[in-house]
Amino acid sequence: METKKLYLSAPLPFVGQKRNFARPFIKVLEQYPDGTTFVDLFGGSGLLSHIAKHQKPHSKVVYNDYDNYRERLVRIPETNELLAKLREITAGIPRKSPIMGEARERVLANIADHEARYGWVDYITLSPSILFSMKYLLSLDAIRKEGLYNKIRTTDFAPAGDYLEGLTVTSADYREVFAQYKDEPNVVFLVDPPYLSTEAGTYRMYWKLSDYLDVLNVLRDHRFIYFTSNKSSILELCQWLGKNRDLGNPFAGCQMVEFHAQMNYNASYTDMMIYNAA
């Protein structure tokens, strides 16, 4: 029997994908029997869903692809075509150097031509190839206002037709997906909401504190694997709420895995994975 490929990072860029937690997540999954239903409420890049299905092949894994990541995967050949053209234009420009003058105009013109031909550009995948580090834009008009840099990917993206294989794919508000599965037996919810006060990039929503608080209703009385970071103060908030009888602390008794990331010489953050016993 052919062994399916295990992806430890998403095939295409996605802000907030949990590649740094891939192996710790695999260890956590060992606590749940094969046949458990996993519902990935904030599916994002689909990495958590993919790993869960790979590790638990007899489990139903629901991937809520609210951001339509699957379309980006299907259109990888188109993205590779555009990147190949940009590679030719920037061949004489040193890596990480500004793209200026005629070369800049040719880059912008080729992006416009590509969008006119296909009616679509994967701007999230394109952004790391021509923009300053960690900047993601979603339109040609926005890119025109920025300085461009030669960070063009040197190789094509590999086809990823097997990445979402076996998953139950949906695209809906997480509350609708939760309502559909909350009363089913043997369910574990994967909960990776967008960071507090974030928008653009890969998300089709803007998250406020009230949105974060709403997610706590998912955690109460259900098994879950929850992701957050020290940017949100959500744990401090829940510890405070734990002093109130009405809600209690949904993180009481949970275990946590942390990943410390250094963005540059003076900026870092800590991602967290929190889970309760199987």
Protein backbone atom coordinates (compact mmCIF):
# COMPACT_ATOMS: atom_id res chain seq x y z
CA MET A 1 0.00 0.00 0.00
CA GLU A 2 1.42 3.40 -1.01
CA THR A 3 2.24 5.69 1.90
CA LYS A 4 0.76 9.15 1.54
CA LYS A 5 3.10 12.12 1.79
CA LEU A 6 3.13 13.95 5.11
CA TYR A 7 3.42 17.72 4.74
CA LEU A 8 5.02 19.47 7.72
CA SER A 9 4.36 22.89 6.19
CA ALA A 10 1.66 24.15 3.85
CA PRO A 11 2.42 23.90 0.11
CA LEU A 12 1.77 27.64 -0.39
CA PRO A 13 2.37 30.61 1.93
CA PHE A 14 -0.25 31.38 4.56
CA VAL A 15 0.21 33.81 7.43
CA GLY A 16 -0.27 31.94 10.70
CA GLN A 17 0.12 28.40 9.38
CA LYS A 18 1.25 26.14 12.22
CA ARG A 19 4.36 24.57 10.65
CA ASN A 20 6.35 25.28 13.84
CA PHE A 21 3.85 23.15 15.75
CA ALA A 22 3.67 20.32 13.22
CA ARG A 23 5.69 17.76 15.20
CA PRO A 24 4.33 18.74 18.67
CA PHE A 25 0.83 18.52 17.16
CA ILE A 26 1.59 14.99 15.94
CA LYS A 27 2.59 14.03 19.48
CA VAL A 28 -0.65 15.45 20.89
CA LEU A 29 -2.67 13.50 18.33
CA GLU A 30 -1.27 10.27 19.75
CA GLN A 31 -3.63 10.73 22.72
CA TYR A 32 -6.70 10.33 20.53
CA PRO A 33 -7.78 7.00 19.00
CA ASP A 34 -8.02 6.59 15.24
CA GLY A 35 -11.70 7.13 14.50
CA THR A 36 -11.97 10.35 16.49
CA THR A 37 -13.66 13.13 14.53
CA PHE A 38 -11.50 16.24 14.19
CA VAL A 39 -13.17 19.51 13.21
CA ASP A 40 -10.78 22.27 12.12
CA LEU A 41 -12.93 25.34 12.68
CA PHE A 42 -10.41 27.89 11.38
CA GLY A 43 -8.85 25.76 8.67
CA GLY A 44 -6.51 28.37 7.18
CA SER A 45 -3.83 26.58 5.17
CA GLY A 46 -5.29 23.18 6.03
CA LEU A 47 -2.03 22.03 7.64
CA LEU A 48 -3.62 20.87 10.90
CA SER A 49 -6.35 19.03 9.00
CA HIS A 50 -3.82 17.40 6.68
CA ILE A 51 -1.65 16.20 9.57
CA ALA A 52 -4.65 14.93 11.54
CA LYS A 53 -5.87 12.88 8.56
CA HIS A 54 -2.39 11.53 7.85
CA GLN A 55 -1.90 10.43 11.45
CA LYS A 56 -5.48 9.20 11.92
CA PRO A 57 -6.48 7.79 8.52
CA HIS A 58 -9.72 6.26 9.85
CA SER A 59 -10.84 9.55 11.39
CA LYS A 60 -13.22 12.01 9.84
CA VAL A 61 -11.38 15.33 9.53
CA VAL A 62 -13.44 18.42 8.70
CA TYR A 63 -11.45 21.25 7.11
CA ASN A 64 -13.26 24.59 7.20
CA ASP A 65 -11.62 26.36 4.26
CA TYR A 66 -13.17 29.76 4.88
CA ASP A 67 -10.29 31.54 3.07
CA ASN A 68 -10.55 29.34 -0.07
CA TYR A 69 -7.00 28.03 0.19
CA ARG A 70 -7.97 25.09 -1.99
CA GLU A 71 -8.40 27.38 -5.02
CA ARG A 72 -4.84 28.58 -4.58
CA LEU A 73 -3.66 24.96 -4.62
CA VAL A 74 -5.59 24.14 -7.78
CA ARG A 75 -4.07 27.16 -9.53
CA ILE A 76 -0.44 26.41 -8.68
CA PRO A 77 0.41 25.94 -12.41
CA GLU A 78 -0.82 29.49 -13.12
CA THR A 79 1.23 30.87 -10.23
CA ASN A 80 4.33 29.04 -11.46
CA GLU A 81 3.78 30.51 -14.93
CA LEU A 82 3.76 34.06 -13.54
CA LEU A 83 6.80 33.50 -11.34
CA ALA A 84 8.74 32.09 -14.32
CA LYS A 85 8.11 35.31 -16.27
CA LEU A 86 9.19 37.46 -13.31
CA ARG A 87 12.31 35.31 -12.94
CA GLU A 88 13.31 36.18 -16.51
CA ILE A 89 12.73 39.89 -15.97
CA THR A 90 14.84 40.01 -12.80
CA ALA A 91 17.61 37.66 -13.95
CA GLY A 92 20.22 40.45 -13.95
CA ILE A 93 19.19 41.95 -10.59
CA PRO A 94 21.03 40.70 -7.47
CA ARG A 95 18.94 38.80 -4.94
CA LYS A 96 17.12 41.00 -2.41
CA SER A 97 18.02 44.14 -4.38
CA PRO A 98 15.39 46.71 -5.40
CA ILE A 99 13.57 46.20 -8.69
CA MET A 100 13.55 49.63 -10.28
CA GLY A 101 13.04 51.46 -13.55
CA GLU A 102 12.13 49.46 -16.62
CA ALA A 103 12.36 46.14 -14.76
CA ARG A 104 9.81 47.33 -12.21
CA GLU A 105 7.41 48.43 -14.95
CA ARG A 106 7.78 45.07 -16.71
CA VAL A 107 7.08 43.20 -13.47
CA LEU A 108 3.92 45.22 -12.85
CA ALA A 109 2.84 44.85 -16.48
CA ASN A 110 3.25 41.07 -16.38
CA ILE A 111 1.18 40.84 -13.20
CA ALA A 112 -1.54 42.93 -14.85
CA ASP A 113 -1.43 40.78 -18.00
CA HIS A 114 -1.65 37.60 -15.92
CA GLU A 115 -4.69 38.91 -14.05
CA ALA A 116 -6.36 39.96 -17.31
CA ARG A 117 -5.74 36.52 -18.83
CA TYR A 118 -6.84 34.36 -15.89
CA GLY A 119 -9.04 36.78 -13.97
CA TRP A 120 -7.07 36.00 -10.84
CA VAL A 121 -3.62 36.31 -9.23
CA ASP A 122 -2.48 34.52 -6.09
CA TYR A 123 -1.21 37.70 -4.47
CA ILE A 124 -0.49 35.98 -1.16
CA THR A 125 1.95 33.60 -2.85
CA LEU A 126 3.34 36.38 -5.03
CA SER A 127 4.00 38.83 -2.19
CA PRO A 128 7.08 37.14 -0.62
CA SER A 129 8.76 37.13 -4.04
CA ILE A 130 8.59 40.87 -4.66
CA LEU A 131 7.85 42.64 -1.36
CA PHE A 132 9.72 43.44 1.83
CA SER A 133 9.81 40.62 4.36
CA MET A 134 6.50 39.60 6.00
CA LYS A 135 4.42 41.99 3.89
CA TYR A 136 1.38 40.51 2.14
CA LEU A 137 -0.81 42.52 -0.21
CA LEU A 138 -3.95 41.48 -2.04
CA SER A 139 -4.11 43.64 -5.17
CA LEU A 140 -1.98 45.11 -7.93
CA ASP A 141 -3.01 48.63 -6.91
CA ALA A 142 -1.57 48.02 -3.44
CA ILE A 143 1.64 46.56 -4.87
CA ARG A 144 2.15 49.60 -7.13
CA LYS A 145 2.53 51.74 -3.99
CA GLU A 146 5.34 49.59 -2.59
CA GLY A 147 9.03 49.19 -3.31
CA LEU A 148 9.74 45.92 -5.13
CA TYR A 149 12.65 43.58 -4.37
CA ASN A 150 14.11 40.64 -6.23
CA LYS A 151 13.17 37.81 -3.94
CA ILE A 152 11.61 35.79 -6.77
CA ARG A 153 11.27 32.14 -5.84
CA THR A 154 13.96 30.24 -7.75
CA THR A 155 11.98 27.02 -8.25
CA ASP A 156 8.38 26.16 -9.11
CA PHE A 157 5.88 25.20 -6.46
CA ALA A 158 5.26 21.47 -6.56
CA PRO A 159 1.76 20.19 -7.36
CA ALA A 160 -0.19 19.48 -4.18
CA GLY A 161 -3.17 17.47 -5.38
CA ASP A 162 -2.77 15.03 -2.50
CA TYR A 163 -2.60 17.65 0.24
CA LEU A 164 -6.33 17.80 1.03
CA GLU A 165 -7.02 14.18 0.10
CA GLY A 166 -9.51 12.44 2.37
CA LEU A 167 -10.69 15.61 4.12
CA THR A 168 -14.30 16.70 4.46
CA VAL A 169 -14.09 20.26 3.13
CA THR A 170 -16.54 23.02 3.98
CA SER A 171 -16.48 26.81 3.86
CA ALA A 172 -18.64 28.58 6.42
CA ASP A 173 -18.54 30.74 9.51
CA TYR A 174 -16.91 28.74 12.29
CA ARG A 175 -20.08 29.06 14.40
CA GLU A 176 -22.07 27.20 11.75
CA VAL A 177 -19.50 24.43 11.56
CA PHE A 178 -19.38 24.17 15.35
CA ALA A 179 -23.18 23.98 15.57
CA GLN A 180 -23.17 21.12 13.07
CA TYR A 181 -20.75 18.96 15.06
CA LYS A 182 -21.03 20.09 18.69
CA ASP A 183 -23.46 17.34 19.68
CA GLU A 184 -21.75 14.48 17.85
CA PRO A 185 -19.87 11.97 20.01
CA ASN A 186 -16.11 11.59 19.96
CA VAL A 187 -15.33 15.03 18.49
CA VAL A 188 -12.20 17.12 19.00
CA PHE A 189 -12.25 20.73 17.81
CA LEU A 190 -9.09 22.25 16.35
CA VAL A 191 -9.29 25.94 17.23
CA ASP A 192 -6.76 28.30 15.64
CA PRO A 193 -8.48 31.71 15.37
CA PRO A 194 -6.79 34.72 13.74
CA TYR A 195 -4.63 36.82 15.99
CA LEU A 196 -6.38 39.60 17.86
CA SER A 197 -6.86 42.82 15.85
CA THR A 198 -5.56 41.36 12.60
CA GLU A 199 -6.90 41.71 9.10
CA ALA A 200 -5.78 41.34 5.46
CA GLY A 201 -3.01 38.88 4.69
CA THR A 202 -4.73 35.53 4.49
CA TYR A 203 -7.84 36.33 6.54
CA ARG A 204 -11.24 37.44 5.27
CA MET A 205 -12.24 38.95 8.62
CA TYR A 206 -11.20 41.45 11.31
CA TRP A 207 -10.93 40.01 14.81
CA LYS A 208 -11.79 42.01 17.92
CA LEU A 209 -11.70 41.01 21.58
CA SER A 210 -15.39 40.11 21.48
CA ASP A 211 -14.69 37.65 18.66
CA TYR A 212 -12.06 35.97 20.80
CA LEU A 213 -14.48 35.76 23.70
CA ASP A 214 -17.10 34.15 21.48
CA VAL A 215 -14.67 31.34 20.70
CA LEU A 216 -14.61 30.40 24.39
CA ASN A 217 -18.09 28.96 23.92
CA VAL A 218 -16.50 26.34 21.67
CA LEU A 219 -14.02 25.34 24.36
CA ARG A 220 -16.50 24.86 27.17
CA ASP A 221 -17.55 21.23 27.67
CA HIS A 222 -15.78 20.01 24.52
CA ARG A 223 -12.43 18.44 23.77
CA PHE A 224 -10.16 20.79 21.87
CA ILE A 225 -6.67 21.70 20.73
CA TYR A 226 -6.41 25.48 20.91
CA PHE A 227 -3.75 27.82 19.50
CA THR A 228 -2.96 31.37 20.56
CA SER A 229 0.06 33.57 21.31
CA ASN A 230 1.27 35.94 23.98
CA LYS A 231 0.12 38.83 21.76
CA SER A 232 -3.53 38.24 22.64
CA SER A 233 -3.53 38.12 26.50
CA ILE A 234 -6.32 35.56 26.16
CA LEU A 235 -4.86 33.29 28.83
CA GLU A 236 -4.62 36.15 31.32
CA LEU A 237 -8.22 37.02 30.54
CA CYS A 238 -9.41 33.46 31.04
CA GLN A 239 -7.54 33.22 34.34
CA TRP A 240 -9.47 36.26 35.47
CA LEU A 241 -12.73 34.83 34.20
CA GLY A 242 -11.93 31.68 36.11
CA LYS A 243 -12.61 33.59 39.30
CA ASN A 244 -16.20 34.09 38.18
CA ARG A 245 -18.66 31.26 38.72
CA ASP A 246 -20.65 31.77 35.54
CA LEU A 247 -17.93 30.74 33.11
CA GLY A 248 -14.96 29.34 34.90
CA ASN A 249 -11.61 28.84 33.20
CA PRO A 250 -11.77 26.64 30.07
CA PHE A 251 -7.97 26.23 30.21
CA ALA A 252 -7.94 24.74 33.74
CA GLY A 253 -6.13 21.41 33.73
CA CYS A 254 -4.86 21.84 30.17
CA GLN A 255 -1.34 21.26 28.97
CA MET A 256 0.62 23.66 26.78
CA VAL A 257 3.38 23.51 24.18
CA GLU A 258 5.19 26.75 23.28
CA PHE A 259 7.27 27.83 20.31
CA HIS A 260 9.46 30.94 20.62
CA ALA A 261 10.09 32.75 17.33
CA GLN A 262 12.56 35.59 16.71
CA MET A 263 11.27 37.86 13.92
CA ASN A 264 14.32 40.18 13.98
CA TYR A 265 16.92 41.49 16.45
CA ASN A 266 14.37 43.31 18.63
CA ALA A 267 11.04 41.55 17.99
CA SER A 268 9.89 38.10 19.02
CA TYR A 269 6.71 36.31 19.99
CA THR A 270 5.57 33.08 21.58
CA ASP A 271 3.02 30.79 19.92
CA MET A 272 1.09 28.41 22.13
CA MET A 273 -0.75 25.12 21.66
CA ILE A 274 -3.11 24.22 24.52
CA TYR A 275 -4.99 20.96 24.88
CA ASN A 276 -6.97 18.96 27.38
CA ALA A 277 -6.74 15.23 28.02
CA ALA A 278 -8.26 12.82 25.56
